Amino acid sequence: MIVVTGAAGFIGSCLVSKLNKDGIIDLVLVDDFSKKEKEANLESALFLAKIERDLFLDWFQNNSKDVKGVYHIGARTDTTEFDKSIFDKLNVSYTKSIWTICAKNEIPLVYASSAATYGLGEFGYKDDHDIVEQLKPLNPYGDSKNDFDIWALKQEEQPPFWAGLKFFNVYGPNEYHKGRMASVIFHAYKQIKATGKMKLFASHNPDFKDGEQIRDFVYVKDVVNVCQWLMTNQPNSALYNLGTGSARTFLDLVKNTFKAMNQEADISFIPTPEDIRDKYQYFTEADMTKLVHAGYDTPFHTLEEGVKDYVVNYLSHNAIY
């Protein structure tokens, strides 16, 4: 059996779909299944069992001998939530429990870290273990992910293989339920469809023109490909960046969304809210050297390819991956 946590969510449900497409159906899906808005993500999924998040750790203790691998994608990801106790429980303590069971039973583990650990990028965006304790995330979510990475790197008892994936700006199908936490592409599509226009945050940094703030946007299909590749090939256990390594501007992103919708671009700018200006990232770009050196050589979607596929094949039909 293979366990996927966060299985009803954005990345988790896409991973389930990818595994199913490759003939892997002996899956145990873990999530808070009470959230009806996520049900559509698993409508066509093939699996052995669904287990509620709060019941999973006991189940895992009792059934670990039958588990061949764990994809721990589930997490509290709201960057606007500032109750640290929520993240300590769901992102740190819960993940420590999964790690410990995997280590004791020699079960490979791929888990979701986050590029939010890098903060404003004072130390760059290289997945170097030596800088992890120096990183300065900008919110409790980023802190929780970095706190676990720090803990993991200090453990003598480890799973036989583990990989902590620092996801950059992931976009793609199955994020319909995420509301304000959905990708900019999702919101751009909705805004353009409703108004024919798109508003972006203006730049408040003299080094960047309006709309030329830069992010590493990575398509969810590439993300789940990497997850599966790591579990299958098991290179060196480590933290790995998961972006494209080729950052693009918000203007590029929105212009490509207009293009995929066959509409003329109509873009204007509004001030960035003052309460987030001092924490606003103007540049992120994953250093992908480690994953490449580990042997991953499948090309990532370009922004043009990813946006077109997402808009044409999913958003325009409200379709699930």
Protein backbone atom coordinates (compact mmCIF):
# COMPACT_ATOMS: atom_id res chain seq x y z
CA MET A 1 0.00 0.00 0.00
CA ILE A 2 0.99 3.60 -0.68
CA VAL A 3 -0.25 6.39 1.59
CA VAL A 4 -1.10 9.86 0.27
CA THR A 5 -1.97 12.49 2.88
CA GLY A 6 -3.74 15.67 1.84
CA ALA A 7 -5.26 13.42 -0.80
CA ALA A 8 -8.36 15.53 -1.41
CA GLY A 9 -6.41 18.76 -1.72
CA PHE A 10 -4.77 20.45 -4.69
CA ILE A 11 -1.39 18.72 -5.05
CA GLY A 12 -2.44 15.55 -3.23
CA SER A 13 -5.39 14.83 -5.53
CA CYS A 14 -3.25 15.48 -8.61
CA LEU A 15 -0.71 13.01 -7.23
CA VAL A 16 -3.45 10.42 -6.73
CA SER A 17 -4.55 10.95 -10.33
CA LYS A 18 -0.96 10.61 -11.59
CA LEU A 19 -0.45 7.38 -9.65
CA ASN A 20 -3.76 6.02 -10.95
CA LYS A 21 -2.77 6.88 -14.53
CA ASP A 22 0.36 4.78 -13.98
CA GLY A 23 -1.67 1.83 -12.76
CA ILE A 24 -1.11 2.36 -9.03
CA ILE A 25 -4.41 1.91 -7.20
CA ASP A 26 -3.38 0.30 -3.88
CA LEU A 27 -3.65 3.72 -2.25
CA VAL A 28 -4.69 4.79 1.22
CA LEU A 29 -6.02 8.34 1.07
CA VAL A 30 -5.77 10.57 4.15
CA ASP A 31 -7.44 13.96 4.62
CA ASP A 32 -10.15 15.86 6.43
CA PHE A 33 -12.92 14.50 4.24
CA SER A 34 -15.60 16.63 5.89
CA LYS A 35 -14.79 19.51 3.55
CA LYS A 36 -17.37 19.09 0.80
CA GLU A 37 -15.74 21.62 -1.53
CA LYS A 38 -12.87 19.16 -2.13
CA GLU A 39 -15.01 16.12 -2.96
CA ALA A 40 -14.84 16.66 -6.73
CA ASN A 41 -11.06 16.24 -6.67
CA LEU A 42 -11.41 12.51 -5.92
CA GLU A 43 -14.58 11.68 -7.86
CA SER A 44 -12.72 9.45 -10.32
CA ALA A 45 -9.94 8.26 -7.99
CA LEU A 46 -9.15 4.56 -7.52
CA PHE A 47 -7.97 3.56 -4.04
CA LEU A 48 -8.18 0.98 -1.26
CA ALA A 49 -9.35 3.16 1.61
CA LYS A 50 -10.01 6.65 2.88
CA ILE A 51 -8.91 7.48 6.42
CA GLU A 52 -9.71 10.66 8.31
CA ARG A 53 -6.66 12.73 9.20
CA ASP A 54 -7.35 12.53 12.94
CA LEU A 55 -7.53 8.72 12.82
CA PHE A 56 -4.58 8.11 10.53
CA LEU A 57 -1.68 8.00 13.00
CA ASP A 58 -3.29 5.20 15.00
CA TRP A 59 -4.09 3.35 11.77
CA PHE A 60 -0.50 3.83 10.56
CA GLN A 61 0.94 2.44 13.80
CA ASN A 62 -1.19 -0.67 13.43
CA ASN A 63 -0.76 -1.21 9.68
CA SER A 64 2.77 0.01 9.00
CA LYS A 65 3.98 -3.44 7.92
CA ASP A 66 1.76 -3.21 4.83
CA VAL A 67 2.81 0.31 3.79
CA LYS A 68 5.48 0.59 1.08
CA GLY A 69 5.74 4.37 0.92
CA VAL A 70 4.22 7.62 2.21
CA TYR A 71 3.60 10.84 0.30
CA HIS A 72 2.88 13.33 3.09
CA ILE A 73 1.41 16.24 1.13
CA GLY A 74 -1.21 17.28 3.68
CA ALA A 75 -0.60 20.49 5.64
CA ARG A 76 -2.21 23.66 6.88
CA THR A 77 -1.07 26.07 4.15
CA ASP A 78 -2.85 29.34 4.91
CA THR A 79 -0.16 32.03 4.94
CA THR A 80 -2.61 34.52 6.48
CA GLU A 81 -3.25 32.33 9.54
CA PHE A 82 -1.22 33.56 12.53
CA ASP A 83 -2.25 31.07 15.22
CA LYS A 84 1.07 29.28 15.67
CA SER A 85 -0.52 26.45 17.66
CA ILE A 86 -2.45 25.28 14.59
CA PHE A 87 0.75 24.93 12.59
CA ASP A 88 2.61 23.31 15.49
CA LYS A 89 -0.08 20.64 15.64
CA LEU A 90 -0.82 19.98 11.96
CA ASN A 91 2.49 20.78 10.25
CA VAL A 92 5.15 19.99 12.86
CA SER A 93 3.96 17.45 15.42
CA TYR A 94 1.86 15.46 12.93
CA THR A 95 4.75 15.24 10.48
CA LYS A 96 7.16 14.19 13.24
CA SER A 97 4.81 11.31 14.07
CA ILE A 98 4.70 10.19 10.44
CA TRP A 99 8.50 10.45 10.17
CA THR A 100 8.99 8.39 13.35
CA ILE A 101 6.72 5.58 12.18
CA CYS A 102 8.40 5.56 8.76
CA ALA A 103 11.85 5.44 10.36
CA LYS A 104 10.99 2.59 12.71
CA ASN A 105 9.39 0.53 9.95
CA GLU A 106 11.79 1.41 7.11
CA ILE A 107 9.16 3.12 4.97
CA PRO A 108 10.28 5.70 2.36
CA LEU A 109 8.84 9.18 2.89
CA VAL A 110 8.32 12.10 0.51
CA TYR A 111 6.94 15.13 2.32
CA ALA A 112 5.90 18.68 1.47
CA SER A 113 8.16 21.43 2.72
CA SER A 114 7.80 24.87 1.10
CA ALA A 115 9.71 27.69 -0.56
CA ALA A 116 8.03 29.85 2.10
CA THR A 117 10.95 28.73 4.27
CA TYR A 118 13.22 31.11 2.30
CA GLY A 119 11.47 34.27 3.50
CA LEU A 120 12.64 37.31 1.55
CA GLY A 121 15.50 35.31 0.09
CA GLU A 122 18.23 36.88 2.20
CA PHE A 123 20.23 33.66 1.90
CA GLY A 124 19.22 32.88 -1.68
CA TYR A 125 17.05 30.02 -2.92
CA LYS A 126 19.47 27.11 -2.79
CA ASP A 127 18.34 23.89 -1.07
CA ASP A 128 21.54 23.79 0.97
CA HIS A 129 21.19 22.06 4.34
CA ASP A 130 23.81 24.38 5.85
CA ILE A 131 21.55 27.45 5.63
CA VAL A 132 18.31 25.92 6.92
CA GLU A 133 18.75 27.11 10.50
CA GLN A 134 19.52 30.66 9.30
CA LEU A 135 16.39 31.06 7.16
CA LYS A 136 13.80 33.67 8.15
CA PRO A 137 10.29 32.75 6.96
CA LEU A 138 7.72 35.55 6.85
CA ASN A 139 4.78 33.86 8.58
CA PRO A 140 3.88 30.99 10.93
CA TYR A 141 3.21 28.69 7.96
CA GLY A 142 6.75 29.17 6.66
CA ASP A 143 8.12 28.85 10.19
CA SER A 144 6.35 25.52 10.66
CA LYS A 145 7.80 24.08 7.47
CA ASN A 146 11.29 25.27 8.35
CA ASP A 147 10.97 24.05 11.94
CA PHE A 148 10.24 20.55 10.68
CA ASP A 149 13.10 20.64 8.15
CA ILE A 150 15.50 21.65 10.94
CA TRP A 151 14.22 18.81 13.13
CA ALA A 152 14.43 16.25 10.30
CA LEU A 153 18.04 17.10 9.50
CA LYS A 154 19.03 16.43 13.12
CA GLN A 155 17.46 12.99 13.37
CA GLU A 156 19.71 9.98 13.70
CA GLU A 157 16.77 7.64 13.12
CA GLN A 158 15.54 8.26 9.59
CA PRO A 159 13.38 6.57 6.98
CA PRO A 160 15.44 4.48 4.52
CA PHE A 161 14.80 7.28 2.01
CA TRP A 162 13.26 10.69 2.58
CA ALA A 163 12.82 13.86 0.54
CA GLY A 164 11.46 17.19 1.75
CA LEU A 165 10.17 19.17 -1.22
CA LYS A 166 10.32 22.96 -1.17
CA PHE A 167 7.39 23.74 -3.45
CA PHE A 168 7.58 27.14 -5.16
CA ASN A 169 4.50 28.79 -6.77
CA VAL A 170 2.45 25.77 -7.79
CA TYR A 171 -0.54 26.23 -10.10
CA GLY A 172 -2.87 23.96 -12.01
CA PRO A 173 -6.10 21.94 -11.89
CA ASN A 174 -7.80 20.81 -8.67
CA GLU A 175 -7.24 24.09 -6.81
CA TYR A 176 -10.86 25.21 -7.27
CA HIS A 177 -11.59 24.86 -3.55
CA LYS A 178 -8.70 27.02 -2.32
CA GLY A 179 -10.39 30.43 -2.44
CA ARG A 180 -7.95 33.29 -1.85
CA MET A 181 -5.07 30.82 -1.49
CA ALA A 182 -5.46 29.62 -5.09
CA SER A 183 -2.82 30.57 -7.66
CA VAL A 184 -2.68 33.94 -9.40
CA ILE A 185 -3.51 32.19 -12.67
CA PHE A 186 -6.75 30.85 -11.18
CA HIS A 187 -7.73 34.32 -9.96
CA ALA A 188 -6.65 35.93 -13.23
CA TYR A 189 -8.87 33.55 -15.21
CA LYS A 190 -11.86 34.30 -12.99
CA GLN A 191 -11.30 38.06 -13.09
CA ILE A 192 -10.75 38.18 -16.85
CA LYS A 193 -13.82 36.04 -17.48
CA ALA A 194 -15.96 38.30 -15.29
CA THR A 195 -14.63 41.71 -16.35
CA GLY A 196 -12.38 41.29 -19.40
CA LYS A 197 -9.62 42.92 -17.35
CA MET A 198 -6.97 42.05 -14.78
CA LYS A 199 -5.60 44.09 -11.90
CA LEU A 200 -2.11 43.40 -10.54
CA PHE A 201 -0.26 44.83 -7.58
CA ALA A 202 1.91 47.81 -8.47
CA SER A 203 5.59 47.70 -7.55
CA HIS A 204 6.74 49.64 -4.50
CA ASN A 205 10.37 48.70 -5.12
CA PRO A 206 12.37 51.02 -7.40
CA ASP A 207 14.30 48.05 -8.78
CA PHE A 208 11.14 46.50 -10.27
CA LYS A 209 8.63 48.00 -12.69
CA ASP A 210 4.90 47.41 -12.21
CA GLY A 211 4.05 43.80 -13.00
CA GLU A 212 7.68 42.77 -13.20
CA GLN A 213 7.74 41.17 -9.78
CA ILE A 214 9.18 37.72 -10.40
CA ARG A 215 8.16 34.25 -9.19
CA ASP A 216 9.07 30.67 -10.00
CA PHE A 217 5.71 29.35 -11.23
CA VAL A 218 5.66 25.55 -11.47
CA TYR A 219 2.86 23.47 -13.01
CA VAL A 220 1.31 20.88 -10.70
CA LYS A 221 1.77 18.11 -13.28
CA ASP A 222 5.54 18.63 -12.99
CA VAL A 223 5.31 18.67 -9.20
CA VAL A 224 3.62 15.26 -9.01
CA ASN A 225 6.02 13.84 -11.61
CA VAL A 226 8.93 14.78 -9.36
CA CYS A 227 7.21 13.34 -6.28
CA GLN A 228 6.73 10.00 -7.99
CA TRP A 229 10.23 10.00 -9.48
CA LEU A 230 11.82 10.54 -6.08
CA MET A 231 9.81 7.75 -4.46
CA THR A 232 10.64 5.38 -7.33
CA ASN A 233 14.33 6.19 -7.78
CA GLN A 234 15.28 7.14 -4.21
CA PRO A 235 18.46 9.18 -4.77
CA ASN A 236 20.20 10.79 -1.78
CA SER A 237 17.84 11.68 1.05
CA ALA A 238 17.66 15.47 1.23
CA LEU A 239 15.67 18.66 1.00
CA TYR A 240 14.96 19.39 -2.67
CA ASN A 241 13.72 22.58 -4.32
CA LEU A 242 10.74 22.06 -6.59
CA GLY A 243 10.31 24.93 -9.00
CA THR A 244 11.28 25.30 -12.63
CA GLY A 245 14.51 27.17 -12.01
CA SER A 246 13.31 29.79 -14.48
CA ALA A 247 11.36 32.60 -12.81
CA ARG A 248 8.88 34.75 -14.76
CA THR A 249 7.05 38.01 -14.18
CA PHE A 250 3.41 38.43 -13.21
CA LEU A 251 2.96 40.29 -16.50
CA ASP A 252 4.15 37.19 -18.38
CA LEU A 253 1.72 35.08 -16.40
CA VAL A 254 -1.31 37.31 -16.98
CA LYS A 255 -0.55 37.99 -20.65
CA ASN A 256 -0.39 34.25 -21.24
CA THR A 257 -3.70 33.80 -19.43
CA PHE A 258 -5.34 36.38 -21.72
CA LYS A 259 -3.76 34.64 -24.72
CA ALA A 260 -5.03 31.21 -23.66
CA MET A 261 -8.51 32.75 -23.32
CA ASN A 262 -8.24 34.33 -26.79
CA GLN A 263 -8.67 37.83 -25.37
CA GLU A 264 -6.74 41.06 -25.72
CA ALA A 265 -4.72 41.86 -22.63
CA ASP A 266 -6.15 44.66 -20.48
CA ILE A 267 -3.97 45.00 -17.38
CA SER A 268 -3.96 47.75 -14.75
CA PHE A 269 -2.23 48.16 -11.41
CA ILE A 270 -3.43 48.80 -7.89
CA PRO A 271 -1.38 49.61 -4.78
CA THR A 272 -0.11 46.67 -2.76
CA PRO A 273 -1.87 46.73 0.64
CA GLU A 274 0.33 48.54 3.13
CA ASP A 275 0.11 45.75 5.71
CA ILE A 276 1.95 43.30 3.40
CA ARG A 277 4.35 45.61 1.61
CA ASP A 278 7.26 44.97 3.97
CA LYS A 279 6.84 41.20 3.49
CA TYR A 280 6.20 41.23 -0.24
CA GLN A 281 8.59 39.09 -2.30
CA TYR A 282 9.83 40.70 -5.50
CA PHE A 283 11.93 37.75 -6.64
CA THR A 284 11.92 33.99 -6.08
CA GLU A 285 13.66 31.39 -8.21
CA ALA A 286 14.46 27.81 -7.30
CA ASP A 287 18.05 26.61 -7.65
CA MET A 288 17.34 23.21 -9.19
CA THR A 289 20.92 21.95 -9.28
CA LYS A 290 20.45 19.29 -6.60
CA LEU A 291 17.47 17.59 -8.25
CA VAL A 292 19.20 17.63 -11.64
CA HIS A 293 22.35 16.13 -10.15
CA ALA A 294 20.18 13.47 -8.50
CA GLY A 295 19.22 12.37 -12.01
CA TYR A 296 15.91 14.06 -12.74
CA ASP A 297 16.01 15.07 -16.41
CA THR A 298 12.37 15.40 -17.49
CA PRO A 299 11.75 18.91 -18.88
CA PHE A 300 9.34 21.11 -16.95
CA HIS A 301 6.42 22.85 -18.64
CA THR A 302 7.27 26.39 -19.68
CA LEU A 303 4.94 29.05 -18.32
CA GLU A 304 3.35 29.32 -21.77
CA GLU A 305 2.75 25.56 -21.96
CA GLY A 306 1.46 25.25 -18.41
CA VAL A 307 -0.91 28.21 -18.54
CA LYS A 308 -2.34 27.11 -21.89
CA ASP A 309 -2.95 23.55 -20.69
CA TYR A 310 -4.50 24.75 -17.44
CA VAL A 311 -6.80 27.32 -19.06
CA VAL A 312 -7.84 25.36 -22.15
CA ASN A 313 -8.19 21.87 -20.69
CA TYR A 314 -9.26 22.57 -17.11
CA LEU A 315 -10.39 26.08 -16.13
CA SER A 316 -12.55 26.59 -19.21
CA HIS A 317 -14.38 23.31 -18.47
CA ASN A 318 -14.14 23.37 -14.67
CA ALA A 319 -12.42 20.02 -15.14
CA ILE A 320 -10.50 17.87 -12.64
CA TYR A 321 -7.10 16.34 -13.38
